């Protein structure tokens, strides 16, 4: 069934089959997030959903090769995270507004 019209799976999704029941399974492609329900998949660009789960001071984009979400700290912030998690911290020496 997947060979015909992507198994009726929605845009930005991939079709596969359950190994035991052979039922059609639709799942969102890498870089997209299901904003629908378990039974009514809607695959939306992950960067449009909660900034792709990136830090509030990061920009969300996609890796050119894999389309995976990529978080990059905004200007004036440095990545202080570890284990692949991006945490953006204000860099020292930045001007502060007069209060």
PDB file of N, CA and C in Angstrom:
ATOM      1  N   UNK A   1       0.798  -1.193   0.000  1.00  0.00           N
ATOM      2  CA  UNK A   1       0.000   0.000   0.000  1.00  0.00           C
ATOM      3  C   UNK A   1       0.846   1.264   0.000  1.00  0.00           C
ATOM      4  N   UNK A   2       2.037   1.243   0.591  1.00  0.00           N
ATOM      5  CA  UNK A   2       2.865   2.443   0.674  1.00  0.00           C
ATOM      6  C   UNK A   2       3.323   2.919  -0.701  1.00  0.00           C
ATOM      7  N   UNK A   3       3.401   2.005  -1.655  1.00  0.00           N
ATOM      8  CA  UNK A   3       3.871   2.367  -2.989  1.00  0.00           C
ATOM      9  C   UNK A   3       2.852   3.217  -3.739  1.00  0.00           C
ATOM     10  N   UNK A   4       1.598   3.147  -3.357  1.00  0.00           N
ATOM     11  CA  UNK A   4       0.544   3.902  -4.028  1.00  0.00           C
ATOM     12  C   UNK A   4       0.152   5.090  -3.155  1.00  0.00           C
ATOM     13  N   UNK A   5       0.403   6.295  -3.656  1.00  0.00           N
ATOM     14  CA  UNK A   5       0.016   7.532  -2.974  1.00  0.00           C
ATOM     15  C   UNK A   5       0.494   7.569  -1.520  1.00  0.00           C
ATOM     16  N   UNK A   6       1.717   7.067  -1.282  1.00  0.00           N
ATOM     17  CA  UNK A   6       2.319   7.059   0.056  1.00  0.00           C
ATOM     18  C   UNK A   6       1.390   6.428   1.101  1.00  0.00           C
ATOM     19  N   UNK A   7       0.614   5.428   0.690  1.00  0.00           N
ATOM     20  CA  UNK A   7      -0.283   4.728   1.611  1.00  0.00           C
ATOM     21  C   UNK A   7      -1.361   5.615   2.208  1.00  0.00           C
ATOM     22  N   UNK A   8      -1.685   6.695   1.495  1.00  0.00           N
ATOM     23  CA  UNK A   8      -2.639   7.708   1.981  1.00  0.00           C
ATOM     24  C   UNK A   8      -2.153   8.427   3.232  1.00  0.00           C
ATOM     25  N   UNK A   9      -0.856   8.388   3.473  1.00  0.00           N
ATOM     26  CA  UNK A   9      -0.287   9.146   4.584  1.00  0.00           C
ATOM     27  C   UNK A   9      -0.210  10.615   4.172  1.00  0.00           C
ATOM     28  N   UNK A  10      -0.292  11.541   5.140  1.00  0.00           N
ATOM     29  CA  UNK A  10      -0.309  12.966   4.801  1.00  0.00           C
ATOM     30  C   UNK A  10       1.044  13.493   4.328  1.00  0.00           C
ATOM     31  N   UNK A  11       1.029  14.718   3.831  1.00  0.00           N
ATOM     32  CA  UNK A  11       2.227  15.432   3.385  1.00  0.00           C
ATOM     33  C   UNK A  11       3.267  15.448   4.510  1.00  0.00           C
ATOM     34  N   UNK A  12       4.535  15.344   4.164  1.00  0.00           N
ATOM     35  CA  UNK A  12       5.670  15.351   5.091  1.00  0.00           C
ATOM     36  C   UNK A  12       5.712  14.131   6.007  1.00  0.00           C
ATOM     37  N   UNK A  13       5.103  13.029   5.568  1.00  0.00           N
ATOM     38  CA  UNK A  13       5.156  11.812   6.374  1.00  0.00           C
ATOM     39  C   UNK A  13       5.686  10.659   5.536  1.00  0.00           C
ATOM     40  N   UNK A  14       6.065   9.596   6.226  1.00  0.00           N
ATOM     41  CA  UNK A  14       6.522   8.384   5.554  1.00  0.00           C
ATOM     42  C   UNK A  14       5.581   7.244   5.902  1.00  0.00           C
ATOM     43  N   UNK A  15       5.432   6.341   4.973  1.00  0.00           N
ATOM     44  CA  UNK A  15       4.547   5.194   5.129  1.00  0.00           C
ATOM     45  C   UNK A  15       5.390   3.949   5.393  1.00  0.00           C
ATOM     46  N   UNK A  16       4.938   3.131   6.335  1.00  0.00           N
ATOM     47  CA  UNK A  16       5.569   1.835   6.591  1.00  0.00           C
ATOM     48  C   UNK A  16       4.460   0.861   6.982  1.00  0.00           C
ATOM     49  N   UNK A  17       4.861  -0.380   7.229  1.00  0.00           N
ATOM     50  CA  UNK A  17       3.875  -1.395   7.608  1.00  0.00           C
ATOM     51  C   UNK A  17       4.269  -2.046   8.925  1.00  0.00           C
ATOM     52  N   UNK A  18       3.286  -2.340   9.742  1.00  0.00           N
ATOM     53  CA  UNK A  18       3.507  -3.062  10.981  1.00  0.00           C
ATOM     54  C   UNK A  18       4.019  -4.457  10.627  1.00  0.00           C
ATOM     55  N   UNK A  19       5.091  -4.896  11.282  1.00  0.00           N
ATOM     56  CA  UNK A  19       5.718  -6.182  10.962  1.00  0.00           C
ATOM     57  C   UNK A  19       4.794  -7.372  11.200  1.00  0.00           C
ATOM     58  N   UNK A  20       3.890  -7.275  12.150  1.00  0.00           N
ATOM     59  CA  UNK A  20       3.001  -8.399  12.464  1.00  0.00           C
ATOM     60  C   UNK A  20       1.670  -8.319  11.731  1.00  0.00           C
ATOM     61  N   UNK A  21       1.054  -7.145  11.749  1.00  0.00           N
ATOM     62  CA  UNK A  21      -0.297  -7.023  11.180  1.00  0.00           C
ATOM     63  C   UNK A  21      -0.298  -6.501   9.750  1.00  0.00           C
ATOM     64  N   UNK A  22       0.839  -5.974   9.308  1.00  0.00           N
ATOM     65  CA  UNK A  22       0.983  -5.356   7.988  1.00  0.00           C
ATOM     66  C   UNK A  22       0.099  -4.117   7.816  1.00  0.00           C
ATOM     67  N   UNK A  23      -0.432  -3.600   8.922  1.00  0.00           N
ATOM     68  CA  UNK A  23      -1.238  -2.376   8.863  1.00  0.00           C
ATOM     69  C   UNK A  23      -0.345  -1.211   8.447  1.00  0.00           C
ATOM     70  N   UNK A  24      -0.912  -0.253   7.749  1.00  0.00           N
ATOM     71  CA  UNK A  24      -0.175   0.931   7.327  1.00  0.00           C
ATOM     72  C   UNK A  24       0.099   1.823   8.534  1.00  0.00           C
ATOM     73  N   UNK A  25       1.344   2.276   8.646  1.00  0.00           N
ATOM     74  CA  UNK A  25       1.748   3.186   9.717  1.00  0.00           C
ATOM     75  C   UNK A  25       2.298   4.448   9.066  1.00  0.00           C
ATOM     76  N   UNK A  26       1.767   5.591   9.449  1.00  0.00           N
ATOM     77  CA  UNK A  26       2.255   6.880   8.955  1.00  0.00           C
ATOM     78  C   UNK A  26       3.031   7.553  10.081  1.00  0.00           C
ATOM     79  N   UNK A  27       4.219   8.058   9.785  1.00  0.00           N
ATOM     80  CA  UNK A  27       4.980   8.810  10.772  1.00  0.00           C
ATOM     81  C   UNK A  27       5.604  10.027  10.117  1.00  0.00           C
ATOM     82  N   UNK A  28       5.736  11.081  10.899  1.00  0.00           N
ATOM     83  CA  UNK A  28       6.285  12.332  10.376  1.00  0.00           C
ATOM     84  C   UNK A  28       7.751  12.157  10.002  1.00  0.00           C
ATOM     85  N   UNK A  29       8.145  12.819   8.919  1.00  0.00           N
ATOM     86  CA  UNK A  29       9.540  12.796   8.481  1.00  0.00           C
ATOM     87  C   UNK A  29      10.411  13.531   9.492  1.00  0.00           C
ATOM     88  N   UNK A  30      11.718  13.265   9.441  1.00  0.00           N
ATOM     89  CA  UNK A  30      12.688  13.967  10.274  1.00  0.00           C
ATOM     90  C   UNK A  30      12.548  15.464  10.006  1.00  0.00           C
ATOM     91  N   UNK A  31      12.560  16.251  11.074  1.00  0.00           N
ATOM     92  CA  UNK A  31      12.444  17.705  10.940  1.00  0.00           C
ATOM     93  C   UNK A  31      11.014  18.203  10.981  1.00  0.00           C
ATOM     94  N   UNK A  32      10.061  17.261  11.114  1.00  0.00           N
ATOM     95  CA  UNK A  32       8.662  17.656  11.253  1.00  0.00           C
ATOM     96  C   UNK A  32       8.093  17.050  12.533  1.00  0.00           C
ATOM     97  N   UNK A  33       7.022  17.650  13.031  1.00  0.00           N
ATOM     98  CA  UNK A  33       6.392  17.246  14.282  1.00  0.00           C
ATOM     99  C   UNK A  33       4.908  17.044  14.044  1.00  0.00           C
ATOM    100  N   UNK A  34       4.341  16.028  14.664  1.00  0.00           N
ATOM    101  CA  UNK A  34       2.902  15.800  14.547  1.00  0.00           C
ATOM    102  C   UNK A  34       2.157  16.825  15.397  1.00  0.00           C
ATOM    103  N   UNK A  35       1.409  17.702  14.739  1.00  0.00           N
ATOM    104  CA  UNK A  35       0.598  18.686  15.459  1.00  0.00           C
ATOM    105  C   UNK A  35      -0.875  18.290  15.424  1.00  0.00           C
ATOM    106  N   UNK A  36      -1.143  17.113  14.908  1.00  0.00           N
ATOM    107  CA  UNK A  36      -2.507  16.585  14.888  1.00  0.00           C
ATOM    108  C   UNK A  36      -2.698  15.650  16.064  1.00  0.00           C
ATOM    109  N   UNK A  37      -3.273  14.493  15.799  1.00  0.00           N
ATOM    110  CA  UNK A  37      -3.484  13.494  16.850  1.00  0.00           C
ATOM    111  C   UNK A  37      -2.831  12.184  16.420  1.00  0.00           C
ATOM    112  N   UNK A  38      -2.898  11.195  17.279  1.00  0.00           N
ATOM    113  CA  UNK A  38      -2.302   9.891  16.967  1.00  0.00           C
ATOM    114  C   UNK A  38      -2.942   9.284  15.725  1.00  0.00           C
ATOM    115  N   UNK A  39      -4.233   9.497  15.558  1.00  0.00           N
ATOM    116  CA  UNK A  39      -4.954   8.893  14.441  1.00  0.00           C
ATOM    117  C   UNK A  39      -5.163   9.845  13.267  1.00  0.00           C
ATOM    118  N   UNK A  40      -4.839  11.123  13.433  1.00  0.00           N
ATOM    119  CA  UNK A  40      -4.980  12.113  12.352  1.00  0.00           C
ATOM    120  C   UNK A  40      -3.698  12.928  12.312  1.00  0.00           C
ATOM    121  N   UNK A  41      -2.687  12.355  11.658  1.00  0.00           N
ATOM    122  CA  UNK A  41      -1.365  12.949  11.591  1.00  0.00           C
ATOM    123  C   UNK A  41      -1.372  14.246  10.795  1.00  0.00           C
ATOM    124  N   UNK A  42      -0.740  15.287  11.345  1.00  0.00           N
ATOM    125  CA  UNK A  42      -0.494  16.541  10.636  1.00  0.00           C
ATOM    126  C   UNK A  42       0.975  16.857  10.893  1.00  0.00           C
ATOM    127  N   UNK A  43       1.814  16.738   9.865  1.00  0.00           N
ATOM    128  CA  UNK A  43       3.257  16.904  10.035  1.00  0.00           C
ATOM    129  C   UNK A  43       3.661  18.335   9.688  1.00  0.00           C
ATOM    130  N   UNK A  44       4.075  19.084  10.705  1.00  0.00           N
ATOM    131  CA  UNK A  44       4.411  20.497  10.587  1.00  0.00           C
ATOM    132  C   UNK A  44       5.911  20.665  10.794  1.00  0.00           C
ATOM    133  N   UNK A  45       6.513  21.626  10.086  1.00  0.00           N
ATOM    134  CA  UNK A  45       7.927  21.948  10.259  1.00  0.00           C
ATOM    135  C   UNK A  45       8.204  22.132  11.755  1.00  0.00           C
ATOM    136  N   UNK A  46       9.147  21.373  12.296  1.00  0.00           N
ATOM    137  CA  UNK A  46       9.432  21.417  13.734  1.00  0.00           C
ATOM    138  C   UNK A  46       9.841  22.802  14.216  1.00  0.00           C
ATOM    139  N   UNK A  47      10.486  23.593  13.363  1.00  0.00           N
ATOM    140  CA  UNK A  47      10.897  24.940  13.764  1.00  0.00           C
ATOM    141  C   UNK A  47       9.694  25.850  13.990  1.00  0.00           C
ATOM    142  N   UNK A  48       8.558  25.499  13.434  1.00  0.00           N
ATOM    143  CA  UNK A  48       7.343  26.291  13.632  1.00  0.00           C
ATOM    144  C   UNK A  48       6.584  25.869  14.889  1.00  0.00           C
ATOM    145  N   UNK A  49       7.035  24.804  15.529  1.00  0.00           N
ATOM    146  CA  UNK A  49       6.390  24.293  16.739  1.00  0.00           C
ATOM    147  C   UNK A  49       7.356  24.475  17.911  1.00  0.00           C
ATOM    148  N   UNK A  50       7.090  25.423  18.765  1.00  0.00           N
ATOM    149  CA  UNK A  50       7.924  25.695  19.943  1.00  0.00           C
ATOM    150  C   UNK A  50       9.393  25.867  19.572  1.00  0.00           C
ATOM    151  N   UNK A  51       9.644  26.571  18.450  1.00  0.00           N
ATOM    152  CA  UNK A  51      11.016  26.849  18.005  1.00  0.00           C
ATOM    153  C   UNK A  51      11.842  25.568  17.905  1.00  0.00           C
ATOM    154  N   UNK A  52      11.210  24.466  17.544  1.00  0.00           N
ATOM    155  CA  UNK A  52      11.920  23.199  17.385  1.00  0.00           C
ATOM    156  C   UNK A  52      12.488  22.649  18.673  1.00  0.00           C
ATOM    157  N   UNK A  53      11.956  23.101  19.807  1.00  0.00           N
ATOM    158  CA  UNK A  53      12.454  22.740  21.142  1.00  0.00           C
ATOM    159  C   UNK A  53      13.848  23.309  21.386  1.00  0.00           C
ATOM    160  N   UNK A  54      14.249  24.311  20.582  1.00  0.00           N
ATOM    161  CA  UNK A  54      15.537  24.977  20.793  1.00  0.00           C
ATOM    162  C   UNK A  54      15.424  25.920  21.985  1.00  0.00           C
ATOM    163  N   UNK A  55      16.563  26.301  22.540  1.00  0.00           N
ATOM    164  CA  UNK A  55      16.646  27.284  23.607  1.00  0.00           C
ATOM    165  C   UNK A  55      15.955  28.573  23.156  1.00  0.00           C
ATOM    166  N   UNK A  56      15.406  29.325  24.097  1.00  0.00           N
ATOM    167  CA  UNK A  56      14.708  30.575  23.768  1.00  0.00           C
ATOM    168  C   UNK A  56      15.629  31.576  23.076  1.00  0.00           C
ATOM    169  N   UNK A  57      16.937  31.474  23.316  1.00  0.00           N
ATOM    170  CA  UNK A  57      17.901  32.385  22.703  1.00  0.00           C
ATOM    171  C   UNK A  57      18.641  31.737  21.538  1.00  0.00           C
ATOM    172  N   UNK A  58      17.980  30.778  20.900  1.00  0.00           N
ATOM    173  CA  UNK A  58      18.564  30.090  19.743  1.00  0.00           C
ATOM    174  C   UNK A  58      17.626  30.196  18.553  1.00  0.00           C
ATOM    175  N   UNK A  59      18.207  30.040  17.376  1.00  0.00           N
ATOM    176  CA  UNK A  59      17.428  30.005  16.142  1.00  0.00           C
ATOM    177  C   UNK A  59      17.336  28.555  15.690  1.00  0.00           C
ATOM    178  N   UNK A  60      16.179  28.183  15.209  1.00  0.00           N
ATOM    179  CA  UNK A  60      15.940  26.828  14.726  1.00  0.00           C
ATOM    180  C   UNK A  60      16.104  26.801  13.211  1.00  0.00           C
ATOM    181  N   UNK A  61      16.817  25.796  12.727  1.00  0.00           N
ATOM    182  CA  UNK A  61      16.949  25.574  11.282  1.00  0.00           C
ATOM    183  C   UNK A  61      17.037  24.064  11.078  1.00  0.00           C
ATOM    184  N   UNK A  62      17.301  23.660   9.848  1.00  0.00           N
ATOM    185  CA  UNK A  62      17.394  22.229   9.557  1.00  0.00           C
ATOM    186  C   UNK A  62      18.744  21.898   8.939  1.00  0.00           C
ATOM    187  N   UNK A  63      19.304  20.764   9.319  1.00  0.00           N
ATOM    188  CA  UNK A  63      20.541  20.271   8.726  1.00  0.00           C
ATOM    189  C   UNK A  63      20.289  20.007   7.247  1.00  0.00           C
ATOM    190  N   UNK A  64      21.171  20.495   6.400  1.00  0.00           N
ATOM    191  CA  UNK A  64      20.983  20.377   4.951  1.00  0.00           C
ATOM    192  C   UNK A  64      20.949  18.924   4.479  1.00  0.00           C
ATOM    193  N   UNK A  65      21.703  18.050   5.122  1.00  0.00           N
ATOM    194  CA  UNK A  65      21.779  16.660   4.673  1.00  0.00           C
ATOM    195  C   UNK A  65      20.662  15.785   5.237  1.00  0.00           C
ATOM    196  N   UNK A  66      20.323  15.982   6.518  1.00  0.00           N
ATOM    197  CA  UNK A  66      19.377  15.074   7.173  1.00  0.00           C
ATOM    198  C   UNK A  66      18.007  15.685   7.443  1.00  0.00           C
ATOM    199  N   UNK A  67      17.907  17.005   7.376  1.00  0.00           N
ATOM    200  CA  UNK A  67      16.697  17.768   7.700  1.00  0.00           C
ATOM    201  C   UNK A  67      16.387  17.758   9.196  1.00  0.00           C
ATOM    202  N   UNK A  68      17.300  17.219  10.011  1.00  0.00           N
ATOM    203  CA  UNK A  68      17.100  17.224  11.462  1.00  0.00           C
ATOM    204  C   UNK A  68      17.141  18.659  11.975  1.00  0.00           C
ATOM    205  N   UNK A  69      16.454  18.911  13.078  1.00  0.00           N
ATOM    206  CA  UNK A  69      16.450  20.243  13.683  1.00  0.00           C
ATOM    207  C   UNK A  69      17.856  20.591  14.151  1.00  0.00           C
ATOM    208  N   UNK A  70      18.243  21.831  13.894  1.00  0.00           N
ATOM    209  CA  UNK A  70      19.562  22.333  14.269  1.00  0.00           C
ATOM    210  C   UNK A  70      19.346  23.637  15.032  1.00  0.00           C
ATOM    211  N   UNK A  71      19.858  23.730  16.247  1.00  0.00           N
ATOM    212  CA  UNK A  71      19.714  24.930  17.070  1.00  0.00           C
ATOM    213  C   UNK A  71      21.036  25.695  17.079  1.00  0.00           C
ATOM    214  N   UNK A  72      20.972  26.996  16.803  1.00  0.00           N
ATOM    215  CA  UNK A  72      22.156  27.843  16.774  1.00  0.00           C
ATOM    216  C   UNK A  72      21.900  29.065  17.644  1.00  0.00           C
ATOM    217  N   UNK A  73      22.816  29.335  18.573  1.00  0.00           N
ATOM    218  CA  UNK A  73      22.642  30.481  19.466  1.00  0.00           C
ATOM    219  C   UNK A  73      22.634  31.785  18.681  1.00  0.00           C
ATOM    220  N   UNK A  74      21.786  32.706  19.131  1.00  0.00           N
ATOM    221  CA  UNK A  74      21.699  34.025  18.512  1.00  0.00           C
ATOM    222  C   UNK A  74      22.970  34.806  18.813  1.00  0.00           C
ATOM    223  N   UNK A  75      23.217  35.860  18.035  1.00  0.00           N
ATOM    224  CA  UNK A  75      24.371  36.728  18.248  1.00  0.00           C
ATOM    225  C   UNK A  75      24.347  37.254  19.682  1.00  0.00           C
ATOM    226  N   UNK A  76      25.510  37.216  20.341  1.00  0.00           N
ATOM    227  CA  UNK A  76      25.609  37.672  21.724  1.00  0.00           C
ATOM    228  C   UNK A  76      25.434  36.559  22.738  1.00  0.00           C
ATOM    229  N   UNK A  77      25.154  35.359  22.247  1.00  0.00           N
ATOM    230  CA  UNK A  77      24.964  34.207  23.129  1.00  0.00           C
ATOM    231  C   UNK A  77      25.925  33.099  22.723  1.00  0.00           C
ATOM    232  N   UNK A  78      26.370  32.316  23.704  1.00  0.00           N
ATOM    233  CA  UNK A  78      27.279  31.203  23.435  1.00  0.00           C
ATOM    234  C   UNK A  78      26.631  29.904  23.902  1.00  0.00           C
ATOM    235  N   UNK A  79      26.951  28.828  23.205  1.00  0.00           N
ATOM    236  CA  UNK A  79      26.425  27.517  23.576  1.00  0.00           C
ATOM    237  C   UNK A  79      27.210  26.977  24.765  1.00  0.00           C
ATOM    238  N   UNK A  80      26.535  26.824  25.891  1.00  0.00           N
ATOM    239  CA  UNK A  80      27.172  26.275  27.090  1.00  0.00           C
ATOM    240  C   UNK A  80      26.593  24.903  27.431  1.00  0.00           C
ATOM    241  N   UNK A  81      25.846  24.342  26.505  1.00  0.00           N
ATOM    242  CA  UNK A  81      25.241  23.031  26.720  1.00  0.00           C
ATOM    243  C   UNK A  81      26.239  21.909  26.521  1.00  0.00           C
ATOM    244  N   UNK A  82      25.789  20.692  26.763  1.00  0.00           N
ATOM    245  CA  UNK A  82      26.643  19.522  26.574  1.00  0.00           C
ATOM    246  C   UNK A  82      25.816  18.373  26.022  1.00  0.00           C
ATOM    247  N   UNK A  83      26.491  17.343  25.580  1.00  0.00           N
ATOM    248  CA  UNK A  83      25.850  16.138  25.035  1.00  0.00           C
ATOM    249  C   UNK A  83      24.884  16.455  23.905  1.00  0.00           C
ATOM    250  N   UNK A  84      25.250  17.414  23.064  1.00  0.00           N
ATOM    251  CA  UNK A  84      24.426  17.754  21.912  1.00  0.00           C
ATOM    252  C   UNK A  84      23.258  18.670  22.215  1.00  0.00           C
ATOM    253  N   UNK A  85      23.049  19.012  23.494  1.00  0.00           N
ATOM    254  CA  UNK A  85      21.959  19.919  23.864  1.00  0.00           C
ATOM    255  C   UNK A  85      22.475  21.353  23.828  1.00  0.00           C
ATOM    256  N   UNK A  86      21.818  22.213  23.063  1.00  0.00           N
ATOM    257  CA  UNK A  86      22.238  23.606  22.933  1.00  0.00           C
ATOM    258  C   UNK A  86      21.574  24.436  24.026  1.00  0.00           C
ATOM    259  N   UNK A  87      22.406  25.057  24.869  1.00  0.00           N
ATOM    260  CA  UNK A  87      21.948  25.991  25.895  1.00  0.00           C
ATOM    261  C   UNK A  87      22.658  27.307  25.630  1.00  0.00           C
ATOM    262  N   UNK A  88      21.911  28.354  25.355  1.00  0.00           N
ATOM    263  CA  UNK A  88      22.499  29.637  24.968  1.00  0.00           C
ATOM    264  C   UNK A  88      22.568  30.574  26.166  1.00  0.00           C
ATOM    265  N   UNK A  89      23.792  31.004  26.486  1.00  0.00           N
ATOM    266  CA  UNK A  89      24.048  31.873  27.625  1.00  0.00           C
ATOM    267  C   UNK A  89      24.614  33.188  27.119  1.00  0.00           C
ATOM    268  N   UNK A  90      24.147  34.291  27.710  1.00  0.00           N
ATOM    269  CA  UNK A  90      24.623  35.617  27.344  1.00  0.00           C
ATOM    270  C   UNK A  90      26.130  35.667  27.517  1.00  0.00           C
ATOM    271  N   UNK A  91      26.836  36.152  26.496  1.00  0.00           N
ATOM    272  CA  UNK A  91      28.296  36.200  26.574  1.00  0.00           C
ATOM    273  C   UNK A  91      28.731  37.386  27.418  1.00  0.00           C
ATOM    274  N   UNK A  92      29.881  37.257  28.076  1.00  0.00           N
ATOM    275  CA  UNK A  92      30.415  38.322  28.928  1.00  0.00           C
ATOM    276  C   UNK A  92      30.824  39.516  28.076  1.00  0.00           C
ATOM    277  N   UNK A  93      30.775  40.688  28.667  1.00  0.00           N
ATOM    278  CA  UNK A  93      31.225  41.886  27.976  1.00  0.00           C
ATOM    279  C   UNK A  93      30.171  42.529  27.100  1.00  0.00           C
ATOM    280  N   UNK A  94      28.981  42.010  27.129  1.00  0.00           N
ATOM    281  CA  UNK A  94      27.922  42.599  26.315  1.00  0.00           C
ATOM    282  C   UNK A  94      27.388  43.844  27.015  1.00  0.00           C
ATOM    283  N   UNK A  95      27.120  44.875  26.256  1.00  0.00           N
ATOM    284  CA  UNK A  95      26.594  46.120  26.813  1.00  0.00           C
ATOM    285  C   UNK A  95      25.233  45.879  27.445  1.00  0.00           C
ATOM    286  N   UNK A  96      24.997  46.556  28.546  1.00  0.00           N
ATOM    287  CA  UNK A  96      23.718  46.452  29.228  1.00  0.00           C
ATOM    288  C   UNK A  96      23.039  47.813  29.144  1.00  0.00           C
ATOM    289  N   UNK A  97      21.752  47.828  28.891  1.00  0.00           N
ATOM    290  CA  UNK A  97      21.012  49.087  28.774  1.00  0.00           C
ATOM    291  C   UNK A  97      21.030  49.843  30.097  1.00  0.00           C
ATOM    292  N   UNK A  98      21.084  51.164  30.012  1.00  0.00           N
ATOM    293  CA  UNK A  98      21.030  51.989  31.222  1.00  0.00           C
ATOM    294  C   UNK A  98      19.665  51.859  31.868  1.00  0.00           C
ATOM    295  N   UNK A  99      19.676  51.690  33.172  1.00  0.00           N
ATOM    296  CA  UNK A  99      18.412  51.550  33.891  1.00  0.00           C
ATOM    297  C   UNK A  99      18.234  52.725  34.820  1.00  0.00           C
TER     298      UNK A  99
END
